[in-house]
N, C-alpha and C. Protein backbone atom coordinates (compact mmCIF):
# COMPACT_ATOMS: atom_id res chain seq x y z
N UNK A 1 99.65 102.10 114.11
CA UNK A 1 100.34 104.10 114.57
C UNK A 1 98.90 104.47 114.31
N UNK A 2 98.98 105.82 114.38
CA UNK A 2 98.14 106.65 114.75
C UNK A 2 97.78 107.31 113.19
N UNK A 3 96.62 108.17 112.64
CA UNK A 3 96.84 108.64 111.63
C UNK A 3 96.04 109.90 111.48
N UNK A 4 95.91 110.93 110.84
CA UNK A 4 95.02 111.90 110.53
C UNK A 4 94.90 112.12 109.24
N UNK A 5 93.74 111.59 108.64
CA UNK A 5 93.38 111.77 107.00
C UNK A 5 92.92 113.00 106.55
N UNK A 6 93.40 113.33 105.88
CA UNK A 6 93.01 114.54 105.12
C UNK A 6 91.63 114.24 104.39
N UNK A 7 91.12 115.26 104.31
CA UNK A 7 89.55 115.04 103.66
C UNK A 7 89.70 114.76 102.10
N UNK A 8 90.76 114.43 101.29
CA UNK A 8 90.92 114.39 99.82
C UNK A 8 91.19 112.60 99.95
N UNK A 9 91.42 111.92 101.04
CA UNK A 9 92.10 110.62 101.50
C UNK A 9 90.86 109.55 101.41
N UNK A 10 90.81 108.66 100.40
CA UNK A 10 89.61 107.97 99.49
C UNK A 10 89.23 106.94 101.25
N UNK A 11 87.85 106.70 101.24
CA UNK A 11 87.05 106.15 102.44
C UNK A 11 88.02 104.58 102.31
N UNK A 12 88.35 104.38 100.90
CA UNK A 12 88.82 102.59 100.90
C UNK A 12 90.15 103.11 101.42
N UNK A 13 91.07 103.89 101.47
CA UNK A 13 92.39 103.81 102.06
C UNK A 13 92.00 103.87 103.53
N UNK A 14 91.15 104.62 104.24
CA UNK A 14 90.62 105.12 105.56
C UNK A 14 90.30 103.34 106.35
N UNK A 15 89.51 102.51 105.38
CA UNK A 15 89.34 101.47 105.63
C UNK A 15 90.32 100.48 105.55
N UNK A 16 90.99 100.64 104.69
CA UNK A 16 92.24 99.39 104.45
C UNK A 16 93.58 100.11 105.90
N UNK A 17 93.59 100.94 106.10
CA UNK A 17 94.57 101.20 107.21
C UNK A 17 93.91 100.96 108.70
N UNK A 18 92.29 100.85 108.87
CA UNK A 18 91.90 100.56 109.93
C UNK A 18 92.01 98.76 109.98
N UNK A 19 91.35 98.09 108.59
CA UNK A 19 91.93 96.70 108.83
C UNK A 19 93.39 96.07 108.81
N UNK A 20 94.62 97.10 108.92
CA UNK A 20 95.65 96.77 109.17
C UNK A 20 96.01 97.00 110.55
N UNK A 21 94.66 97.79 111.44
CA UNK A 21 95.24 97.63 112.78
C UNK A 21 94.93 99.03 113.46
N UNK A 22 95.27 100.09 112.27
CA UNK A 22 95.61 101.33 112.86
C UNK A 22 94.63 102.24 113.04
N UNK A 23 95.03 103.41 114.07
CA UNK A 23 94.12 104.13 114.70
C UNK A 23 93.87 105.26 113.45
N UNK A 24 92.56 105.18 113.03
CA UNK A 24 92.91 106.33 112.04
C UNK A 24 91.47 107.37 112.18
N UNK A 25 91.63 108.64 112.18
CA UNK A 25 90.65 109.90 112.19
C UNK A 25 90.68 110.69 110.95
N UNK A 26 89.62 110.75 110.57
CA UNK A 26 89.55 111.61 109.23
C UNK A 26 88.86 113.12 109.84
N UNK A 27 89.96 114.17 109.05
CA UNK A 27 89.79 115.39 109.25
C UNK A 27 88.39 115.81 109.32
N UNK A 28 87.31 115.16 108.85
CA UNK A 28 86.05 115.67 108.75
C UNK A 28 85.29 115.28 109.94
N UNK A 29 85.52 114.43 110.84
CA UNK A 29 85.29 113.71 111.80
C UNK A 29 85.42 114.80 113.21
N UNK A 30 86.56 115.36 113.44
CA UNK A 30 86.83 116.14 114.17
C UNK A 30 86.47 117.73 113.39
N UNK A 31 85.78 118.22 112.96
CA UNK A 31 85.51 119.36 112.43
C UNK A 31 86.48 120.34 111.82
N UNK A 32 87.20 119.79 110.87
CA UNK A 32 88.25 120.32 110.17
C UNK A 32 88.27 119.97 108.75
N UNK A 33 87.13 119.76 108.24
CA UNK A 33 87.23 119.61 106.78
C UNK A 33 87.63 120.87 105.84
N UNK A 34 86.95 121.82 106.66
CA UNK A 34 87.45 123.35 105.93
C UNK A 34 88.74 124.11 106.34
N UNK A 35 89.37 123.41 107.26
CA UNK A 35 90.63 123.66 108.08
C UNK A 35 91.80 124.28 107.09
N UNK A 36 92.19 125.37 106.99
CA UNK A 36 93.79 125.78 106.73
C UNK A 36 94.78 124.57 106.30
N UNK A 37 95.52 124.27 105.78
CA UNK A 37 96.50 122.87 105.44
C UNK A 37 97.28 123.08 106.38
N UNK A 38 97.71 124.72 107.26
CA UNK A 38 98.67 124.37 108.29
C UNK A 38 98.34 124.34 109.27
N UNK A 39 97.13 124.53 109.61
CA UNK A 39 96.03 124.02 110.70
C UNK A 39 96.12 122.27 111.14
N UNK A 40 96.00 121.55 109.74
CA UNK A 40 95.86 120.34 109.75
C UNK A 40 97.29 119.62 110.17
N UNK A 41 98.24 120.14 109.62
CA UNK A 41 99.51 119.52 110.35
C UNK A 41 99.78 120.19 111.56
N UNK A 42 99.28 120.84 112.10
CA UNK A 42 99.26 121.75 113.43
C UNK A 42 98.59 120.57 114.01
N UNK A 43 97.12 119.79 113.92
CA UNK A 43 96.68 119.40 114.69
C UNK A 43 97.18 117.96 114.69
N UNK A 44 97.66 117.39 113.47
CA UNK A 44 98.21 116.39 113.53
C UNK A 44 99.37 116.19 114.43
N UNK A 45 100.07 116.83 114.83
CA UNK A 45 101.20 117.05 115.30
C UNK A 45 100.94 117.33 116.91
N UNK A 46 100.15 118.00 117.09
CA UNK A 46 99.92 118.00 118.72
C UNK A 46 98.73 116.73 119.05
N UNK A 47 98.27 116.27 118.07
CA UNK A 47 97.88 115.04 118.58
C UNK A 47 98.54 113.46 118.29
N UNK A 48 99.91 113.70 118.06
CA UNK A 48 101.09 112.89 117.99
C UNK A 48 100.67 111.61 116.64
N UNK A 49 99.85 112.62 115.85
CA UNK A 49 99.61 111.46 114.36
C UNK A 49 100.14 111.99 113.38
N UNK A 50 100.12 110.83 112.41
CA UNK A 50 100.92 111.14 111.09
C UNK A 50 99.60 111.83 110.11
N UNK A 51 100.27 113.11 109.52
CA UNK A 51 99.18 113.20 108.52
C UNK A 51 99.26 112.57 107.07
N UNK A 52 97.98 111.63 106.70
CA UNK A 52 98.27 111.11 105.41
C UNK A 52 97.11 112.37 104.07
N UNK A 53 97.62 112.30 103.19
CA UNK A 53 97.06 113.16 102.23
C UNK A 53 97.24 112.84 100.76
N UNK A 54 96.38 113.41 99.92
CA UNK A 54 96.88 113.37 98.71
C UNK A 54 97.40 114.36 97.76
N UNK A 55 97.41 115.41 98.63
CA UNK A 55 97.85 116.67 98.09
C UNK A 55 98.83 117.26 98.15
N UNK A 56 100.05 117.30 97.03
CA UNK A 56 101.68 117.41 97.33
C UNK A 56 101.91 118.66 97.76
N UNK A 57 100.44 119.28 97.61
CA UNK A 57 101.00 120.80 98.47
C UNK A 57 101.49 121.02 99.60
N UNK A 58 101.44 119.86 100.37
CA UNK A 58 101.98 119.65 101.92
C UNK A 58 103.46 119.84 102.16
N UNK A 59 104.36 119.02 101.07
CA UNK A 59 105.57 119.11 100.75
C UNK A 59 105.73 120.40 101.15
N UNK A 60 105.25 121.50 100.48
CA UNK A 60 106.02 122.68 100.54
C UNK A 60 105.77 123.40 102.08
N UNK A 61 104.48 122.88 102.66
CA UNK A 61 104.52 123.30 103.95
C UNK A 61 105.75 122.96 105.29
N UNK A 62 106.11 121.89 104.91
CA UNK A 62 106.93 121.29 105.56
C UNK A 62 108.20 121.45 105.75
N UNK A 63 108.50 121.38 103.94
CA UNK A 63 110.15 121.94 103.99
C UNK A 63 110.31 123.46 103.95
N UNK A 64 109.42 124.04 103.05
CA UNK A 64 109.31 125.72 102.81
C UNK A 64 109.33 126.67 104.17
N UNK A 65 107.98 126.20 105.07
CA UNK A 65 107.20 126.92 106.03
C UNK A 65 108.16 126.17 107.33
N UNK A 66 108.56 125.09 107.42
CA UNK A 66 109.12 124.45 108.13
C UNK A 66 108.32 124.02 109.38
N UNK A 67 107.09 123.25 109.36
CA UNK A 67 106.01 123.12 109.87
C UNK A 67 106.27 121.67 110.47
N UNK A 68 106.23 121.38 112.03
CA UNK A 68 107.02 120.18 112.63
C UNK A 68 105.51 118.73 112.31
N UNK A 69 105.49 118.47 111.26
CA UNK A 69 104.58 117.38 111.41
C UNK A 69 105.23 116.20 110.17
N UNK A 70 104.71 114.85 110.89
CA UNK A 70 105.15 113.59 109.59
C UNK A 70 103.99 113.90 108.94
N UNK A 71 104.56 113.65 107.45
CA UNK A 71 103.07 113.59 106.45
C UNK A 71 103.61 112.03 105.22
N UNK A 72 102.51 111.26 105.09
CA UNK A 72 102.42 110.47 104.28
C UNK A 72 101.68 110.99 102.68
N UNK A 73 102.41 111.00 101.56
CA UNK A 73 101.80 111.81 100.64
C UNK A 73 101.78 110.66 99.69
N UNK A 74 100.43 110.32 99.52
CA UNK A 74 100.04 109.18 98.52
C UNK A 74 99.70 109.75 97.21
N UNK A 75 100.69 108.85 96.11
CA UNK A 75 100.66 109.35 94.64
C UNK A 75 99.59 108.09 94.31
N UNK A 76 98.15 108.60 94.20
CA UNK A 76 97.22 107.26 94.19
C UNK A 76 96.26 107.74 92.76
N UNK A 77 95.62 106.86 91.92
CA UNK A 77 94.48 106.93 91.43
C UNK A 77 93.89 105.76 91.06
N UNK A 78 92.52 105.45 90.96
CA UNK A 78 91.51 104.67 91.26
C UNK A 78 92.29 103.03 90.16
N UNK A 79 93.04 103.80 89.36
CA UNK A 79 93.40 102.10 88.89
C UNK A 79 94.98 101.97 89.30
N UNK A 80 95.40 102.81 90.28
CA UNK A 80 96.71 102.06 91.14
C UNK A 80 96.58 102.28 92.38
N UNK A 81 95.12 101.97 92.99
CA UNK A 81 94.96 102.15 94.42
C UNK A 81 95.70 100.76 95.21
N UNK A 82 95.57 99.45 94.53
CA UNK A 82 95.55 98.35 94.83
C UNK A 82 97.11 98.27 95.23
N UNK A 83 98.21 98.80 94.29
CA UNK A 83 99.63 98.71 94.32
C UNK A 83 99.93 99.74 95.33
N UNK A 84 99.17 100.87 95.38
CA UNK A 84 99.75 101.98 96.36
C UNK A 84 99.61 101.59 97.74
N UNK A 85 98.44 100.56 97.75
CA UNK A 85 97.73 100.21 99.14
C UNK A 85 99.14 99.16 99.50
N UNK A 86 99.14 98.42 98.58
CA UNK A 86 100.28 97.51 98.99
C UNK A 86 101.23 97.73 99.67
N UNK A 87 102.18 98.98 98.62
CA UNK A 87 103.30 99.72 99.03
C UNK A 87 103.17 100.27 100.53
N UNK A 88 101.77 100.54 100.87
CA UNK A 88 101.85 101.77 101.89
C UNK A 88 101.65 100.87 102.98
N UNK A 89 101.41 99.54 102.87
CA UNK A 89 101.41 98.24 104.11
C UNK A 89 103.24 98.27 104.32
N UNK A 90 103.33 98.14 103.31
CA UNK A 90 105.06 97.31 103.33
C UNK A 90 105.72 98.40 104.03
N UNK A 91 105.72 100.05 103.43
CA UNK A 91 106.15 100.82 104.31
C UNK A 91 106.16 100.88 105.89
N UNK A 92 104.67 100.56 105.96
CA UNK A 92 103.99 100.63 107.76
C UNK A 92 104.51 99.74 108.33
N UNK A 93 105.26 98.16 107.82
CA UNK A 93 105.80 97.36 108.26
C UNK A 93 107.34 97.66 108.44
N UNK A 94 108.07 98.62 107.72
CA UNK A 94 109.51 98.85 107.76
C UNK A 94 109.83 100.02 108.54
N UNK A 95 108.81 100.81 108.95
CA UNK A 95 109.17 102.06 109.62
C UNK A 95 108.37 101.94 110.82
N UNK A 96 109.12 102.73 111.69
CA UNK A 96 108.42 103.01 112.93
C UNK A 96 107.78 104.40 113.28
N UNK A 97 106.89 104.05 113.86
CA UNK A 97 105.56 105.29 113.94
C UNK A 97 106.27 106.87 114.22
N UNK A 98 107.85 106.33 114.83
CA UNK A 98 108.72 107.59 115.37
C UNK A 98 109.12 108.20 114.32
N UNK A 99 109.87 107.17 113.28
CA UNK A 99 110.42 107.85 112.24
C UNK A 99 109.35 108.65 111.60
N UNK A 100 108.18 107.82 111.00
CA UNK A 100 107.33 108.65 110.11
C UNK A 100 106.98 109.81 110.71
N UNK A 101 106.81 110.32 112.04
CA UNK A 101 106.12 111.02 112.53
C UNK A 101 107.57 112.38 112.14
N UNK A 102 108.49 111.86 111.76
CA UNK A 102 109.69 112.93 111.61
C UNK A 102 109.93 112.73 110.31
N UNK A 103 109.46 112.53 109.05
CA UNK A 103 109.63 112.56 107.73
C UNK A 103 108.13 112.85 107.25
N UNK A 104 108.94 112.92 105.29
CA UNK A 104 107.99 113.43 104.39
C UNK A 104 107.80 112.11 104.11
N UNK A 105 106.81 111.29 103.66
CA UNK A 105 106.96 109.99 102.69
C UNK A 105 106.12 109.96 101.68
N UNK A 106 106.65 109.75 100.34
CA UNK A 106 106.06 109.61 99.04
C UNK A 106 105.41 108.32 98.86
N UNK A 107 104.14 107.91 98.92
CA UNK A 107 103.93 106.34 98.41
C UNK A 107 103.43 106.49 97.12
N UNK A 108 104.27 105.52 96.20
CA UNK A 108 103.13 105.36 94.91
C UNK A 108 103.18 103.78 94.44
N UNK A 109 102.95 103.51 93.45
CA UNK A 109 102.65 101.94 93.18
C UNK A 109 104.35 101.52 92.73
N UNK A 110 104.52 100.57 93.90
CA UNK A 110 105.74 99.59 93.66
C UNK A 110 107.02 100.34 94.50
N UNK A 111 106.52 101.99 95.23
CA UNK A 111 108.06 102.48 95.63
C UNK A 111 107.45 103.16 97.07
N UNK A 112 108.30 103.69 97.49
CA UNK A 112 108.13 104.96 98.42
C UNK A 112 109.74 105.28 98.60
N UNK A 113 109.32 106.97 98.83
CA UNK A 113 110.54 107.77 98.73
C UNK A 113 110.58 108.22 100.64
N UNK A 114 110.90 108.21 101.70
CA UNK A 114 111.36 108.90 102.85
C UNK A 114 112.11 110.24 102.77
N UNK A 115 112.14 111.44 102.96
CA UNK A 115 112.73 112.51 103.64
C UNK A 115 112.77 112.72 104.73
N UNK A 116 113.62 112.54 105.51
CA UNK A 116 113.31 112.89 107.18
C UNK A 116 113.28 114.36 106.89
N UNK A 117 112.63 114.92 107.76
CA UNK A 117 112.46 116.24 108.57
C UNK A 117 113.73 116.72 109.62
N UNK A 118 114.12 117.92 109.52
CA UNK A 118 115.13 118.44 110.23
C UNK A 118 114.36 119.38 110.68
N UNK A 119 113.99 118.74 112.42
CA UNK A 119 113.26 119.06 113.62
C UNK A 119 114.06 119.97 114.31
N UNK A 120 115.40 120.11 114.30
CA UNK A 120 115.89 120.84 115.32
C UNK A 120 115.75 122.41 114.86
């Protein structure tokens, strides 16, 4: 799968996703470290990438402002990193890239929730 990682996603998570064989770009690597949140989502959509963040405000952008991008929101702390990564890996095996590009996903220790986006 192809991901665009927000500046707040830990390097350990980027490495973890790459080790699973995924294509990962961090926003700072493409000059978007200071970009507006809505611009980050538009970039993810334009590049057919799923946006990964630790910032829960992105849910508001997707649902209230109707921005068309798939998002994975990680509820992760240093103490829960391993369990969140394990759940992230499980979730990525269960769902296709197409499904995730059309959803807002919350991943936390031991569980994940998916809310499909109405892209019509």
